[in-house]
Amino acid sequence: MSVKFSIIIPSLNSKLYLDQCLKSIFNQSYKNYEIIVIDGGSKDGTVELLKSCQNKIKWISESDNGQADAINKGIKLSSGNWITWQNSDDY
């Protein structure tokens, strides 16, 4: 049985970077992971990007109280053995 990772990505108006961030995870050789994007209510097209990936990720888009709040929401949704976060502009 392999270890499952939960990767939480907090996001707010990050469409410019989020696509590259997600692709960097999708391209990893290790595949036992879940991606959870917690978006703070973006208005820049981020939600449309998330909808286009919804068969590969979990996501919500709603107001939050910043990055720590978003990460905590993601932790509550996670099911992995290990939990980590990656910023939406990291790849």
PDB file of N, CA and C in Angstrom:
ATOM      1  N   MET A   1       0.839  -1.173   0.000  1.00  0.00           N
ATOM      2  CA  MET A   1       0.000   0.000   0.000  1.00  0.00           C
ATOM      3  C   MET A   1       0.886   1.239   0.000  1.00  0.00           C
ATOM      4  N   SER A   2       0.672   2.135  -0.938  1.00  0.00           N
ATOM      5  CA  SER A   2       1.486   3.331  -0.989  1.00  0.00           C
ATOM      6  C   SER A   2       0.840   4.470  -0.212  1.00  0.00           C
ATOM      7  N   VAL A   3       1.663   5.360   0.247  1.00  0.00           N
ATOM      8  CA  VAL A   3       1.226   6.508   1.027  1.00  0.00           C
ATOM      9  C   VAL A   3       0.479   7.488   0.120  1.00  0.00           C
ATOM     10  N   LYS A   4      -0.650   8.000   0.610  1.00  0.00           N
ATOM     11  CA  LYS A   4      -1.416   8.991  -0.138  1.00  0.00           C
ATOM     12  C   LYS A   4      -1.116  10.379   0.421  1.00  0.00           C
ATOM     13  N   PHE A   5      -0.815  11.301  -0.480  1.00  0.00           N
ATOM     14  CA  PHE A   5      -0.549  12.681  -0.119  1.00  0.00           C
ATOM     15  C   PHE A   5      -1.755  13.550  -0.433  1.00  0.00           C
ATOM     16  N   SER A   6      -2.074  14.455   0.460  1.00  0.00           N
ATOM     17  CA  SER A   6      -3.071  15.492   0.213  1.00  0.00           C
ATOM     18  C   SER A   6      -2.300  16.794  -0.004  1.00  0.00           C
ATOM     19  N   ILE A   7      -2.467  17.389  -1.168  1.00  0.00           N
ATOM     20  CA  ILE A   7      -1.775  18.628  -1.504  1.00  0.00           C
ATOM     21  C   ILE A   7      -2.814  19.742  -1.517  1.00  0.00           C
ATOM     22  N   ILE A   8      -2.690  20.654  -0.587  1.00  0.00           N
ATOM     23  CA  ILE A   8      -3.642  21.752  -0.461  1.00  0.00           C
ATOM     24  C   ILE A   8      -3.032  22.988  -1.110  1.00  0.00           C
ATOM     25  N   ILE A   9      -3.820  23.631  -1.968  1.00  0.00           N
ATOM     26  CA  ILE A   9      -3.360  24.832  -2.654  1.00  0.00           C
ATOM     27  C   ILE A   9      -4.311  25.979  -2.318  1.00  0.00           C
ATOM     28  N   PRO A  10      -3.886  26.919  -1.458  1.00  0.00           N
ATOM     29  CA  PRO A  10      -4.694  28.113  -1.232  1.00  0.00           C
ATOM     30  C   PRO A  10      -4.537  29.044  -2.428  1.00  0.00           C
ATOM     31  N   SER A  11      -5.615  29.718  -2.797  1.00  0.00           N
ATOM     32  CA  SER A  11      -5.580  30.527  -4.006  1.00  0.00           C
ATOM     33  C   SER A  11      -6.488  31.737  -3.880  1.00  0.00           C
ATOM     34  N   LEU A  12      -6.070  32.828  -4.489  1.00  0.00           N
ATOM     35  CA  LEU A  12      -6.931  34.000  -4.640  1.00  0.00           C
ATOM     36  C   LEU A  12      -6.434  34.774  -5.853  1.00  0.00           C
ATOM     37  N   ASN A  13      -7.275  34.853  -6.870  1.00  0.00           N
ATOM     38  CA  ASN A  13      -6.928  35.547  -8.114  1.00  0.00           C
ATOM     39  C   ASN A  13      -5.564  35.106  -8.646  1.00  0.00           C
ATOM     40  N   SER A  14      -5.399  33.793  -8.759  1.00  0.00           N
ATOM     41  CA  SER A  14      -4.114  33.207  -9.140  1.00  0.00           C
ATOM     42  C   SER A  14      -4.138  32.484 -10.479  1.00  0.00           C
ATOM     43  N   LYS A  15      -5.116  32.763 -11.313  1.00  0.00           N
ATOM     44  CA  LYS A  15      -5.231  32.027 -12.575  1.00  0.00           C
ATOM     45  C   LYS A  15      -3.929  32.044 -13.372  1.00  0.00           C
ATOM     46  N   LEU A  16      -3.248  33.159 -13.360  1.00  0.00           N
ATOM     47  CA  LEU A  16      -2.013  33.303 -14.127  1.00  0.00           C
ATOM     48  C   LEU A  16      -0.988  32.229 -13.761  1.00  0.00           C
ATOM     49  N   TYR A  17      -0.951  31.823 -12.497  1.00  0.00           N
ATOM     50  CA  TYR A  17       0.054  30.864 -12.020  1.00  0.00           C
ATOM     51  C   TYR A  17      -0.511  29.484 -11.723  1.00  0.00           C
ATOM     52  N   LEU A  18      -1.767  29.407 -11.387  1.00  0.00           N
ATOM     53  CA  LEU A  18      -2.355  28.163 -10.902  1.00  0.00           C
ATOM     54  C   LEU A  18      -2.304  27.040 -11.932  1.00  0.00           C
ATOM     55  N   ASP A  19      -2.501  27.348 -13.180  1.00  0.00           N
ATOM     56  CA  ASP A  19      -2.451  26.321 -14.227  1.00  0.00           C
ATOM     57  C   ASP A  19      -1.092  25.632 -14.235  1.00  0.00           C
ATOM     58  N   GLN A  20      -0.037  26.405 -14.170  1.00  0.00           N
ATOM     59  CA  GLN A  20       1.320  25.838 -14.165  1.00  0.00           C
ATOM     60  C   GLN A  20       1.569  25.051 -12.875  1.00  0.00           C
ATOM     61  N   CYS A  21       1.059  25.536 -11.779  1.00  0.00           N
ATOM     62  CA  CYS A  21       1.182  24.841 -10.495  1.00  0.00           C
ATOM     63  C   CYS A  21       0.532  23.453 -10.570  1.00  0.00           C
ATOM     64  N   LEU A  22      -0.706  23.417 -11.076  1.00  0.00           N
ATOM     65  CA  LEU A  22      -1.420  22.137 -11.187  1.00  0.00           C
ATOM     66  C   LEU A  22      -0.706  21.187 -12.138  1.00  0.00           C
ATOM     67  N   LYS A  23      -0.269  21.696 -13.274  1.00  0.00           N
ATOM     68  CA  LYS A  23       0.432  20.839 -14.245  1.00  0.00           C
ATOM     69  C   LYS A  23       1.701  20.252 -13.651  1.00  0.00           C
ATOM     70  N   SER A  24       2.388  21.022 -12.801  1.00  0.00           N
ATOM     71  CA  SER A  24       3.613  20.490 -12.192  1.00  0.00           C
ATOM     72  C   SER A  24       3.310  19.302 -11.287  1.00  0.00           C
ATOM     73  N   ILE A  25       2.149  19.319 -10.644  1.00  0.00           N
ATOM     74  CA  ILE A  25       1.755  18.178  -9.814  1.00  0.00           C
ATOM     75  C   ILE A  25       1.302  17.018 -10.692  1.00  0.00           C
ATOM     76  N   PHE A  26       0.468  17.301 -11.689  1.00  0.00           N
ATOM     77  CA  PHE A  26      -0.022  16.250 -12.590  1.00  0.00           C
ATOM     78  C   PHE A  26       1.133  15.502 -13.251  1.00  0.00           C
ATOM     79  N   ASN A  27       2.256  16.181 -13.493  1.00  0.00           N
ATOM     80  CA  ASN A  27       3.391  15.588 -14.195  1.00  0.00           C
ATOM     81  C   ASN A  27       4.350  14.814 -13.300  1.00  0.00           C
ATOM     82  N   GLN A  28       4.057  14.727 -12.016  1.00  0.00           N
ATOM     83  CA  GLN A  28       4.916  13.959 -11.115  1.00  0.00           C
ATOM     84  C   GLN A  28       4.758  12.461 -11.396  1.00  0.00           C
ATOM     85  N   SER A  29       5.810  11.703 -11.154  1.00  0.00           N
ATOM     86  CA  SER A  29       5.730  10.261 -11.388  1.00  0.00           C
ATOM     87  C   SER A  29       4.923   9.559 -10.298  1.00  0.00           C
ATOM     88  N   TYR A  30       4.924  10.095  -9.085  1.00  0.00           N
ATOM     89  CA  TYR A  30       4.149   9.522  -7.993  1.00  0.00           C
ATOM     90  C   TYR A  30       2.705   9.991  -8.152  1.00  0.00           C
ATOM     91  N   LYS A  31       1.774   9.070  -8.193  1.00  0.00           N
ATOM     92  CA  LYS A  31       0.390   9.416  -8.536  1.00  0.00           C
ATOM     93  C   LYS A  31      -0.622   9.234  -7.411  1.00  0.00           C
ATOM     94  N   ASN A  32      -0.208   8.758  -6.247  1.00  0.00           N
ATOM     95  CA  ASN A  32      -1.175   8.546  -5.175  1.00  0.00           C
ATOM     96  C   ASN A  32      -1.298   9.823  -4.343  1.00  0.00           C
ATOM     97  N   TYR A  33      -2.036  10.777  -4.882  1.00  0.00           N
ATOM     98  CA  TYR A  33      -2.235  12.053  -4.231  1.00  0.00           C
ATOM     99  C   TYR A  33      -3.624  12.579  -4.546  1.00  0.00           C
ATOM    100  N   GLU A  34      -4.044  13.535  -3.749  1.00  0.00           N
ATOM    101  CA  GLU A  34      -5.238  14.300  -4.060  1.00  0.00           C
ATOM    102  C   GLU A  34      -4.840  15.770  -4.008  1.00  0.00           C
ATOM    103  N   ILE A  35      -5.424  16.545  -4.885  1.00  0.00           N
ATOM    104  CA  ILE A  35      -5.185  17.980  -4.912  1.00  0.00           C
ATOM    105  C   ILE A  35      -6.458  18.661  -4.447  1.00  0.00           C
ATOM    106  N   ILE A  36      -6.303  19.552  -3.480  1.00  0.00           N
ATOM    107  CA  ILE A  36      -7.442  20.290  -2.939  1.00  0.00           C
ATOM    108  C   ILE A  36      -7.128  21.780  -3.072  1.00  0.00           C
ATOM    109  N   VAL A  37      -7.845  22.461  -3.960  1.00  0.00           N
ATOM    110  CA  VAL A  37      -7.647  23.898  -4.138  1.00  0.00           C
ATOM    111  C   VAL A  37      -8.731  24.624  -3.343  1.00  0.00           C
ATOM    112  N   ILE A  38      -8.293  25.504  -2.468  1.00  0.00           N
ATOM    113  CA  ILE A  38      -9.211  26.327  -1.685  1.00  0.00           C
ATOM    114  C   ILE A  38      -9.041  27.761  -2.190  1.00  0.00           C
ATOM    115  N   ASP A  39     -10.011  28.184  -2.960  1.00  0.00           N
ATOM    116  CA  ASP A  39      -9.968  29.505  -3.585  1.00  0.00           C
ATOM    117  C   ASP A  39     -10.797  30.484  -2.756  1.00  0.00           C
ATOM    118  N   GLY A  40     -10.269  31.670  -2.554  1.00  0.00           N
ATOM    119  CA  GLY A  40     -10.915  32.670  -1.716  1.00  0.00           C
ATOM    120  C   GLY A  40     -11.954  33.525  -2.403  1.00  0.00           C
ATOM    121  N   GLY A  41     -12.523  33.052  -3.518  1.00  0.00           N
ATOM    122  CA  GLY A  41     -13.551  33.809  -4.223  1.00  0.00           C
ATOM    123  C   GLY A  41     -12.986  34.642  -5.362  1.00  0.00           C
ATOM    124  N   SER A  42     -12.087  34.069  -6.122  1.00  0.00           N
ATOM    125  CA  SER A  42     -11.409  34.783  -7.206  1.00  0.00           C
ATOM    126  C   SER A  42     -12.367  35.331  -8.245  1.00  0.00           C
ATOM    127  N   LYS A  43     -11.947  36.418  -8.866  1.00  0.00           N
ATOM    128  CA  LYS A  43     -12.723  37.073  -9.922  1.00  0.00           C
ATOM    129  C   LYS A  43     -11.920  37.173 -11.224  1.00  0.00           C
ATOM    130  N   ASP A  44     -10.828  36.419 -11.342  1.00  0.00           N
ATOM    131  CA  ASP A  44      -9.936  36.551 -12.493  1.00  0.00           C
ATOM    132  C   ASP A  44      -9.990  35.378 -13.466  1.00  0.00           C
ATOM    133  N   GLY A  45     -10.971  34.500 -13.351  1.00  0.00           N
ATOM    134  CA  GLY A  45     -11.046  33.321 -14.203  1.00  0.00           C
ATOM    135  C   GLY A  45     -10.526  32.059 -13.538  1.00  0.00           C
ATOM    136  N   THR A  46     -10.083  32.169 -12.304  1.00  0.00           N
ATOM    137  CA  THR A  46      -9.592  30.994 -11.580  1.00  0.00           C
ATOM    138  C   THR A  46     -10.665  29.914 -11.481  1.00  0.00           C
ATOM    139  N   VAL A  47     -11.888  30.304 -11.204  1.00  0.00           N
ATOM    140  CA  VAL A  47     -12.972  29.325 -11.043  1.00  0.00           C
ATOM    141  C   VAL A  47     -13.182  28.537 -12.335  1.00  0.00           C
ATOM    142  N   GLU A  48     -13.099  29.188 -13.458  1.00  0.00           N
ATOM    143  CA  GLU A  48     -13.249  28.492 -14.738  1.00  0.00           C
ATOM    144  C   GLU A  48     -12.127  27.476 -14.929  1.00  0.00           C
ATOM    145  N   LEU A  49     -10.903  27.839 -14.535  1.00  0.00           N
ATOM    146  CA  LEU A  49      -9.776  26.905 -14.597  1.00  0.00           C
ATOM    147  C   LEU A  49     -10.042  25.711 -13.690  1.00  0.00           C
ATOM    148  N   LEU A  50     -10.518  25.958 -12.492  1.00  0.00           N
ATOM    149  CA  LEU A  50     -10.805  24.868 -11.554  1.00  0.00           C
ATOM    150  C   LEU A  50     -11.887  23.949 -12.104  1.00  0.00           C
ATOM    151  N   LYS A  51     -12.916  24.522 -12.699  1.00  0.00           N
ATOM    152  CA  LYS A  51     -13.976  23.703 -13.301  1.00  0.00           C
ATOM    153  C   LYS A  51     -13.423  22.807 -14.402  1.00  0.00           C
ATOM    154  N   SER A  52     -12.456  23.300 -15.168  1.00  0.00           N
ATOM    155  CA  SER A  52     -11.889  22.505 -16.261  1.00  0.00           C
ATOM    156  C   SER A  52     -11.048  21.335 -15.747  1.00  0.00           C
ATOM    157  N   CYS A  53     -10.653  21.381 -14.480  1.00  0.00           N
ATOM    158  CA  CYS A  53      -9.837  20.321 -13.872  1.00  0.00           C
ATOM    159  C   CYS A  53     -10.607  19.500 -12.856  1.00  0.00           C
ATOM    160  N   GLN A  54     -11.914  19.700 -12.761  1.00  0.00           N
ATOM    161  CA  GLN A  54     -12.654  19.123 -11.639  1.00  0.00           C
ATOM    162  C   GLN A  54     -12.644  17.605 -11.585  1.00  0.00           C
ATOM    163  N   ASN A  55     -12.297  16.928 -12.666  1.00  0.00           N
ATOM    164  CA  ASN A  55     -12.196  15.472 -12.592  1.00  0.00           C
ATOM    165  C   ASN A  55     -10.856  15.024 -11.998  1.00  0.00           C
ATOM    166  N   LYS A  56      -9.915  15.980 -11.791  1.00  0.00           N
ATOM    167  CA  LYS A  56      -8.609  15.643 -11.236  1.00  0.00           C
ATOM    168  C   LYS A  56      -8.364  16.244  -9.857  1.00  0.00           C
ATOM    169  N   ILE A  57      -9.222  17.173  -9.434  1.00  0.00           N
ATOM    170  CA  ILE A  57      -8.993  17.883  -8.181  1.00  0.00           C
ATOM    171  C   ILE A  57     -10.292  18.043  -7.407  1.00  0.00           C
ATOM    172  N   LYS A  58     -10.148  18.327  -6.111  1.00  0.00           N
ATOM    173  CA  LYS A  58     -11.261  18.811  -5.300  1.00  0.00           C
ATOM    174  C   LYS A  58     -11.054  20.314  -5.175  1.00  0.00           C
ATOM    175  N   TRP A  59     -12.135  21.067  -5.145  1.00  0.00           N
ATOM    176  CA  TRP A  59     -11.964  22.507  -4.981  1.00  0.00           C
ATOM    177  C   TRP A  59     -13.225  23.151  -4.441  1.00  0.00           C
ATOM    178  N   ILE A  60     -13.018  24.267  -3.775  1.00  0.00           N
ATOM    179  CA  ILE A  60     -14.122  25.133  -3.381  1.00  0.00           C
ATOM    180  C   ILE A  60     -13.675  26.574  -3.631  1.00  0.00           C
ATOM    181  N   SER A  61     -14.632  27.426  -3.883  1.00  0.00           N
ATOM    182  CA  SER A  61     -14.356  28.850  -4.053  1.00  0.00           C
ATOM    183  C   SER A  61     -15.371  29.622  -3.220  1.00  0.00           C
ATOM    184  N   GLU A  62     -14.860  30.242  -2.169  1.00  0.00           N
ATOM    185  CA  GLU A  62     -15.708  31.025  -1.272  1.00  0.00           C
ATOM    186  C   GLU A  62     -14.807  31.966  -0.475  1.00  0.00           C
ATOM    187  N   SER A  63     -15.391  32.992   0.077  1.00  0.00           N
ATOM    188  CA  SER A  63     -14.615  33.918   0.907  1.00  0.00           C
ATOM    189  C   SER A  63     -13.982  33.174   2.074  1.00  0.00           C
ATOM    190  N   ASP A  64     -12.796  33.595   2.423  1.00  0.00           N
ATOM    191  CA  ASP A  64     -12.130  33.024   3.586  1.00  0.00           C
ATOM    192  C   ASP A  64     -11.387  34.130   4.317  1.00  0.00           C
ATOM    193  N   ASN A  65     -10.671  33.763   5.341  1.00  0.00           N
ATOM    194  CA  ASN A  65      -9.923  34.723   6.148  1.00  0.00           C
ATOM    195  C   ASN A  65      -8.423  34.617   5.904  1.00  0.00           C
ATOM    196  N   GLY A  66      -8.044  34.399   4.655  1.00  0.00           N
ATOM    197  CA  GLY A  66      -6.634  34.357   4.300  1.00  0.00           C
ATOM    198  C   GLY A  66      -6.078  32.959   4.127  1.00  0.00           C
ATOM    199  N   GLN A  67      -4.777  32.917   3.896  1.00  0.00           N
ATOM    200  CA  GLN A  67      -4.099  31.668   3.558  1.00  0.00           C
ATOM    201  C   GLN A  67      -4.231  30.596   4.638  1.00  0.00           C
ATOM    202  N   ALA A  68      -4.017  30.954   5.882  1.00  0.00           N
ATOM    203  CA  ALA A  68      -4.107  29.952   6.958  1.00  0.00           C
ATOM    204  C   ALA A  68      -5.505  29.356   7.037  1.00  0.00           C
ATOM    205  N   ASP A  69      -6.528  30.188   6.886  1.00  0.00           N
ATOM    206  CA  ASP A  69      -7.909  29.702   6.896  1.00  0.00           C
ATOM    207  C   ASP A  69      -8.153  28.752   5.737  1.00  0.00           C
ATOM    208  N   ALA A  70      -7.644  29.108   4.567  1.00  0.00           N
ATOM    209  CA  ALA A  70      -7.802  28.246   3.392  1.00  0.00           C
ATOM    210  C   ALA A  70      -7.118  26.898   3.604  1.00  0.00           C
ATOM    211  N   ILE A  71      -5.925  26.916   4.155  1.00  0.00           N
ATOM    212  CA  ILE A  71      -5.205  25.659   4.403  1.00  0.00           C
ATOM    213  C   ILE A  71      -5.972  24.805   5.408  1.00  0.00           C
ATOM    214  N   ASN A  72      -6.498  25.418   6.441  1.00  0.00           N
ATOM    215  CA  ASN A  72      -7.284  24.664   7.432  1.00  0.00           C
ATOM    216  C   ASN A  72      -8.541  24.064   6.809  1.00  0.00           C
ATOM    217  N   LYS A  73      -9.200  24.788   5.916  1.00  0.00           N
ATOM    218  CA  LYS A  73     -10.355  24.227   5.198  1.00  0.00           C
ATOM    219  C   LYS A  73      -9.921  23.012   4.383  1.00  0.00           C
ATOM    220  N   GLY A  74      -8.777  23.123   3.725  1.00  0.00           N
ATOM    221  CA  GLY A  74      -8.263  22.003   2.934  1.00  0.00           C
ATOM    222  C   GLY A  74      -7.945  20.793   3.782  1.00  0.00           C
ATOM    223  N   ILE A  75      -7.378  21.014   4.947  1.00  0.00           N
ATOM    224  CA  ILE A  75      -7.068  19.908   5.855  1.00  0.00           C
ATOM    225  C   ILE A  75      -8.344  19.153   6.218  1.00  0.00           C
ATOM    226  N   LYS A  76      -9.414  19.880   6.467  1.00  0.00           N
ATOM    227  CA  LYS A  76     -10.682  19.234   6.814  1.00  0.00           C
ATOM    228  C   LYS A  76     -11.235  18.383   5.675  1.00  0.00           C
ATOM    229  N   LEU A  77     -10.904  18.736   4.437  1.00  0.00           N
ATOM    230  CA  LEU A  77     -11.378  17.982   3.273  1.00  0.00           C
ATOM    231  C   LEU A  77     -10.437  16.848   2.871  1.00  0.00           C
ATOM    232  N   SER A  78      -9.263  16.806   3.474  1.00  0.00           N
ATOM    233  CA  SER A  78      -8.231  15.872   3.016  1.00  0.00           C
ATOM    234  C   SER A  78      -8.460  14.453   3.521  1.00  0.00           C
ATOM    235  N   SER A  79      -7.925  13.495   2.769  1.00  0.00           N
ATOM    236  CA  SER A  79      -8.022  12.088   3.146  1.00  0.00           C
ATOM    237  C   SER A  79      -6.673  11.376   3.055  1.00  0.00           C
ATOM    238  N   GLY A  80      -5.610  12.133   2.865  1.00  0.00           N
ATOM    239  CA  GLY A  80      -4.293  11.529   2.702  1.00  0.00           C
ATOM    240  C   GLY A  80      -3.650  11.134   4.019  1.00  0.00           C
ATOM    241  N   ASN A  81      -2.620  10.285   3.903  1.00  0.00           N
ATOM    242  CA  ASN A  81      -1.803   9.916   5.058  1.00  0.00           C
ATOM    243  C   ASN A  81      -0.884  11.069   5.456  1.00  0.00           C
ATOM    244  N   TRP A  82      -0.473  11.831   4.467  1.00  0.00           N
ATOM    245  CA  TRP A  82       0.382  12.992   4.655  1.00  0.00           C
ATOM    246  C   TRP A  82      -0.301  14.192   4.031  1.00  0.00           C
ATOM    247  N   ILE A  83      -0.170  15.345   4.692  1.00  0.00           N
ATOM    248  CA  ILE A  83      -0.784  16.576   4.203  1.00  0.00           C
ATOM    249  C   ILE A  83       0.308  17.613   4.000  1.00  0.00           C
ATOM    250  N   THR A  84       0.242  18.295   2.866  1.00  0.00           N
ATOM    251  CA  THR A  84       1.170  19.382   2.588  1.00  0.00           C
ATOM    252  C   THR A  84       0.426  20.480   1.863  1.00  0.00           C
ATOM    253  N   TRP A  85       1.050  21.628   1.741  1.00  0.00           N
ATOM    254  CA  TRP A  85       0.447  22.653   0.910  1.00  0.00           C
ATOM    255  C   TRP A  85       1.484  23.199  -0.037  1.00  0.00           C
ATOM    256  N   GLN A  86       0.990  23.692  -1.122  1.00  0.00           N
ATOM    257  CA  GLN A  86       1.814  24.300  -2.158  1.00  0.00           C
ATOM    258  C   GLN A  86       1.124  25.597  -2.542  1.00  0.00           C
ATOM    259  N   ASN A  87       1.870  26.672  -2.578  1.00  0.00           N
ATOM    260  CA  ASN A  87       1.268  27.938  -2.968  1.00  0.00           C
ATOM    261  C   ASN A  87       0.915  27.927  -4.446  1.00  0.00           C
ATOM    262  N   SER A  88      -0.096  28.663  -4.817  1.00  0.00           N
ATOM    263  CA  SER A  88      -0.600  28.616  -6.184  1.00  0.00           C
ATOM    264  C   SER A  88       0.372  29.168  -7.211  1.00  0.00           C
ATOM    265  N   ASP A  89       1.402  29.885  -6.765  1.00  0.00           N
ATOM    266  CA  ASP A  89       2.404  30.378  -7.712  1.00  0.00           C
ATOM    267  C   ASP A  89       3.692  29.572  -7.674  1.00  0.00           C
ATOM    268  N   ASP A  90       3.655  28.391  -7.053  1.00  0.00           N
ATOM    269  CA  ASP A  90       4.805  27.483  -7.009  1.00  0.00           C
ATOM    270  C   ASP A  90       4.617  26.360  -8.009  1.00  0.00           C
ATOM    271  N   TYR A  91       5.702  25.938  -8.603  1.00  0.00           N
ATOM    272  CA  TYR A  91       5.673  24.792  -9.504  1.00  0.00           C
ATOM    273  C   TYR A  91       6.978  24.050  -9.473  1.00  0.00           C
TER     274      TYR A  91
END
